[in-house]
Amino acid sequence: MANIPYNGALLVYHAKVTLVHRRSDAVAIAELKVWQVPKCEAFPEGIKYSLFLVHKATGHVLVGYDNHKPKGHHIHVGDAEHVYVFINVEALLGEFWQMVEERGYLVK
């Protein structure tokens, strides 16, 4: 996939990975996207992201990190949402994968 800017957004990271739960063999899909965007009120860091782990059979969101407007930085854990304190992209990716691992999912 080419990193072609769209409306000022440049895709700088994309990964899509299949994972399996270590005990139940449930399958989940993790899709991670990070864009560089023009700095503005909605995206003061110049970063937009969407990182989600979804149960393949049900489509249920297990874990999600995103910063769409108007909500800003937040985490989805099951049906709950929590504010997320963004530090940088490296920390974001590390925290996402840590949460995935804590929920028992391993890369297939």
C-alpha atoms as a PDB file:
ATOM      1  CA  MET A   1       0.000   0.000   0.000  1.00  0.00           C
ATOM      2  CA  ALA A   2       1.420   3.361  -0.988  1.00  0.00           C
ATOM      3  CA  ASN A   3       1.585   6.146   1.589  1.00  0.00           C
ATOM      4  CA  ILE A   4      -0.451   8.577  -0.462  1.00  0.00           C
ATOM      5  CA  PRO A   5      -1.733  11.638   1.400  1.00  0.00           C
ATOM      6  CA  TYR A   6      -5.515  11.887   1.672  1.00  0.00           C
ATOM      7  CA  ASN A   7      -7.018  15.178   2.812  1.00  0.00           C
ATOM      8  CA  GLY A   8      -3.680  16.068   4.376  1.00  0.00           C
ATOM      9  CA  ALA A   9      -3.333  12.695   6.160  1.00  0.00           C
ATOM     10  CA  LEU A  10      -0.339  10.472   5.401  1.00  0.00           C
ATOM     11  CA  LEU A  11      -0.512   6.829   6.512  1.00  0.00           C
ATOM     12  CA  VAL A  12       2.780   6.245   8.339  1.00  0.00           C
ATOM     13  CA  TYR A  13       2.064   2.863   9.948  1.00  0.00           C
ATOM     14  CA  HIS A  14      -0.306   0.025   9.099  1.00  0.00           C
ATOM     15  CA  ALA A  15      -0.407  -3.548  10.364  1.00  0.00           C
ATOM     16  CA  LYS A  16      -3.108  -6.207  10.287  1.00  0.00           C
ATOM     17  CA  VAL A  17      -2.425  -9.327  12.336  1.00  0.00           C
ATOM     18  CA  THR A  18      -4.360 -12.492  13.190  1.00  0.00           C
ATOM     19  CA  LEU A  19      -4.121 -13.572  16.847  1.00  0.00           C
ATOM     20  CA  VAL A  20      -5.297 -16.609  18.802  1.00  0.00           C
ATOM     21  CA  HIS A  21      -6.306 -16.721  22.448  1.00  0.00           C
ATOM     22  CA  ARG A  22      -3.847 -18.887  24.384  1.00  0.00           C
ATOM     23  CA  ARG A  23      -6.571 -20.844  26.233  1.00  0.00           C
ATOM     24  CA  SER A  24      -9.726 -20.856  24.111  1.00  0.00           C
ATOM     25  CA  ASP A  25      -8.288 -20.759  20.576  1.00  0.00           C
ATOM     26  CA  ALA A  26     -10.631 -17.820  19.838  1.00  0.00           C
ATOM     27  CA  VAL A  27      -9.376 -15.850  16.851  1.00  0.00           C
ATOM     28  CA  ALA A  28      -9.089 -12.058  16.808  1.00  0.00           C
ATOM     29  CA  ILE A  29      -7.848  -9.541  14.277  1.00  0.00           C
ATOM     30  CA  ALA A  30      -5.678  -6.584  15.259  1.00  0.00           C
ATOM     31  CA  GLU A  31      -5.560  -3.693  12.826  1.00  0.00           C
ATOM     32  CA  LEU A  32      -3.353  -0.712  13.602  1.00  0.00           C
ATOM     33  CA  LYS A  33      -3.251   2.519  11.590  1.00  0.00           C
ATOM     34  CA  VAL A  34      -1.353   5.712  12.344  1.00  0.00           C
ATOM     35  CA  TRP A  35      -1.554   8.824  10.174  1.00  0.00           C
ATOM     36  CA  GLN A  36       0.459  12.010  10.180  1.00  0.00           C
ATOM     37  CA  VAL A  37      -2.026  14.879   9.896  1.00  0.00           C
ATOM     38  CA  PRO A  38      -1.740  18.652   9.968  1.00  0.00           C
ATOM     39  CA  LYS A  39      -1.622  19.927  13.550  1.00  0.00           C
ATOM     40  CA  CYS A  40      -4.931  21.467  14.542  1.00  0.00           C
ATOM     41  CA  GLU A  41      -7.275  21.722  17.516  1.00  0.00           C
ATOM     42  CA  ALA A  42      -8.562  18.157  17.007  1.00  0.00           C
ATOM     43  CA  PHE A  43      -5.076  16.662  16.492  1.00  0.00           C
ATOM     44  CA  PRO A  44      -2.573  18.895  18.339  1.00  0.00           C
ATOM     45  CA  GLU A  45       0.227  16.298  18.056  1.00  0.00           C
ATOM     46  CA  GLY A  46      -0.241  15.972  14.290  1.00  0.00           C
ATOM     47  CA  ILE A  47      -1.088  12.269  14.760  1.00  0.00           C
ATOM     48  CA  LYS A  48      -4.334  10.392  14.154  1.00  0.00           C
ATOM     49  CA  TYR A  49      -4.577   6.720  15.085  1.00  0.00           C
ATOM     50  CA  SER A  50      -6.887   3.727  15.198  1.00  0.00           C
ATOM     51  CA  LEU A  51      -5.685   0.524  16.877  1.00  0.00           C
ATOM     52  CA  PHE A  52      -8.275  -2.198  17.404  1.00  0.00           C
ATOM     53  CA  LEU A  53      -8.430  -5.849  18.434  1.00  0.00           C
ATOM     54  CA  VAL A  54     -11.708  -7.402  17.291  1.00  0.00           C
ATOM     55  CA  HIS A  55     -13.073 -10.903  17.945  1.00  0.00           C
ATOM     56  CA  LYS A  56     -13.230 -12.453  14.477  1.00  0.00           C
ATOM     57  CA  ALA A  57     -16.411 -14.497  14.947  1.00  0.00           C
ATOM     58  CA  THR A  58     -18.539 -11.863  16.693  1.00  0.00           C
ATOM     59  CA  GLY A  59     -17.029  -8.554  15.575  1.00  0.00           C
ATOM     60  CA  HIS A  60     -16.957  -7.468  19.226  1.00  0.00           C
ATOM     61  CA  VAL A  61     -14.271  -4.888  20.047  1.00  0.00           C
ATOM     62  CA  LEU A  62     -11.954  -6.358  22.687  1.00  0.00           C
ATOM     63  CA  VAL A  63      -9.491  -3.452  22.841  1.00  0.00           C
ATOM     64  CA  GLY A  64      -9.309  -0.211  20.909  1.00  0.00           C
ATOM     65  CA  TYR A  65      -7.269   2.978  21.010  1.00  0.00           C
ATOM     66  CA  ASP A  66      -8.260   5.963  18.898  1.00  0.00           C
ATOM     67  CA  ASN A  67      -8.394   9.728  18.842  1.00  0.00           C
ATOM     68  CA  HIS A  68     -11.189  10.634  16.465  1.00  0.00           C
ATOM     69  CA  LYS A  69     -12.883  13.960  16.927  1.00  0.00           C
ATOM     70  CA  PRO A  70     -14.691  15.096  18.979  1.00  0.00           C
ATOM     71  CA  LYS A  71     -13.647  12.548  21.651  1.00  0.00           C
ATOM     72  CA  GLY A  72      -9.881  12.886  21.409  1.00  0.00           C
ATOM     73  CA  HIS A  73      -7.548  10.261  22.897  1.00  0.00           C
ATOM     74  CA  HIS A  74      -9.455   7.338  24.413  1.00  0.00           C
ATOM     75  CA  ILE A  75      -9.419   3.571  24.933  1.00  0.00           C
ATOM     76  CA  HIS A  76     -12.193   1.048  24.330  1.00  0.00           C
ATOM     77  CA  VAL A  77     -12.094  -1.976  26.639  1.00  0.00           C
ATOM     78  CA  GLY A  78     -15.066  -4.171  25.886  1.00  0.00           C
ATOM     79  CA  ASP A  79     -18.099  -1.872  26.069  1.00  0.00           C
ATOM     80  CA  ALA A  80     -16.377   0.748  28.258  1.00  0.00           C
ATOM     81  CA  GLU A  81     -14.438   3.840  27.152  1.00  0.00           C
ATOM     82  CA  HIS A  82     -11.666   5.528  29.121  1.00  0.00           C
ATOM     83  CA  VAL A  83      -9.561   8.648  28.558  1.00  0.00           C
ATOM     84  CA  TYR A  84      -6.071   7.864  27.238  1.00  0.00           C
ATOM     85  CA  VAL A  85      -3.024  10.023  27.941  1.00  0.00           C
ATOM     86  CA  PHE A  86      -1.054  10.096  24.674  1.00  0.00           C
ATOM     87  CA  ILE A  87       2.734  10.322  25.015  1.00  0.00           C
ATOM     88  CA  ASN A  88       4.032   9.292  21.590  1.00  0.00           C
ATOM     89  CA  VAL A  89       3.433   6.673  18.881  1.00  0.00           C
ATOM     90  CA  GLU A  90       6.000   4.223  20.263  1.00  0.00           C
ATOM     91  CA  ALA A  91       4.360   4.229  23.710  1.00  0.00           C
ATOM     92  CA  LEU A  92       0.913   3.924  22.098  1.00  0.00           C
ATOM     93  CA  LEU A  93       1.908   0.813  20.132  1.00  0.00           C
ATOM     94  CA  GLY A  94       3.628  -0.726  23.159  1.00  0.00           C
ATOM     95  CA  GLU A  95       0.623  -0.148  25.422  1.00  0.00           C
ATOM     96  CA  PHE A  96      -1.760  -1.582  22.815  1.00  0.00           C
ATOM     97  CA  TRP A  97       0.255  -4.792  22.426  1.00  0.00           C
ATOM     98  CA  GLN A  98       0.633  -5.086  26.208  1.00  0.00           C
ATOM     99  CA  MET A  99      -3.149  -4.865  26.638  1.00  0.00           C
ATOM    100  CA  VAL A 100      -3.650  -7.466  23.877  1.00  0.00           C
ATOM    101  CA  GLU A 101      -1.232  -9.824  25.623  1.00  0.00           C
ATOM    102  CA  GLU A 102      -2.888  -9.241  29.010  1.00  0.00           C
ATOM    103  CA  ARG A 103      -6.154 -10.411  27.447  1.00  0.00           C
ATOM    104  CA  GLY A 104      -4.500 -13.670  26.416  1.00  0.00           C
ATOM    105  CA  TYR A 105      -4.031 -13.135  22.673  1.00  0.00           C
ATOM    106  CA  LEU A 106      -0.883 -14.236  20.865  1.00  0.00           C
ATOM    107  CA  VAL A 107       0.224 -13.665  17.268  1.00  0.00           C
ATOM    108  CA  LYS A 108      -0.758 -16.672  15.172  1.00  0.00           C
END
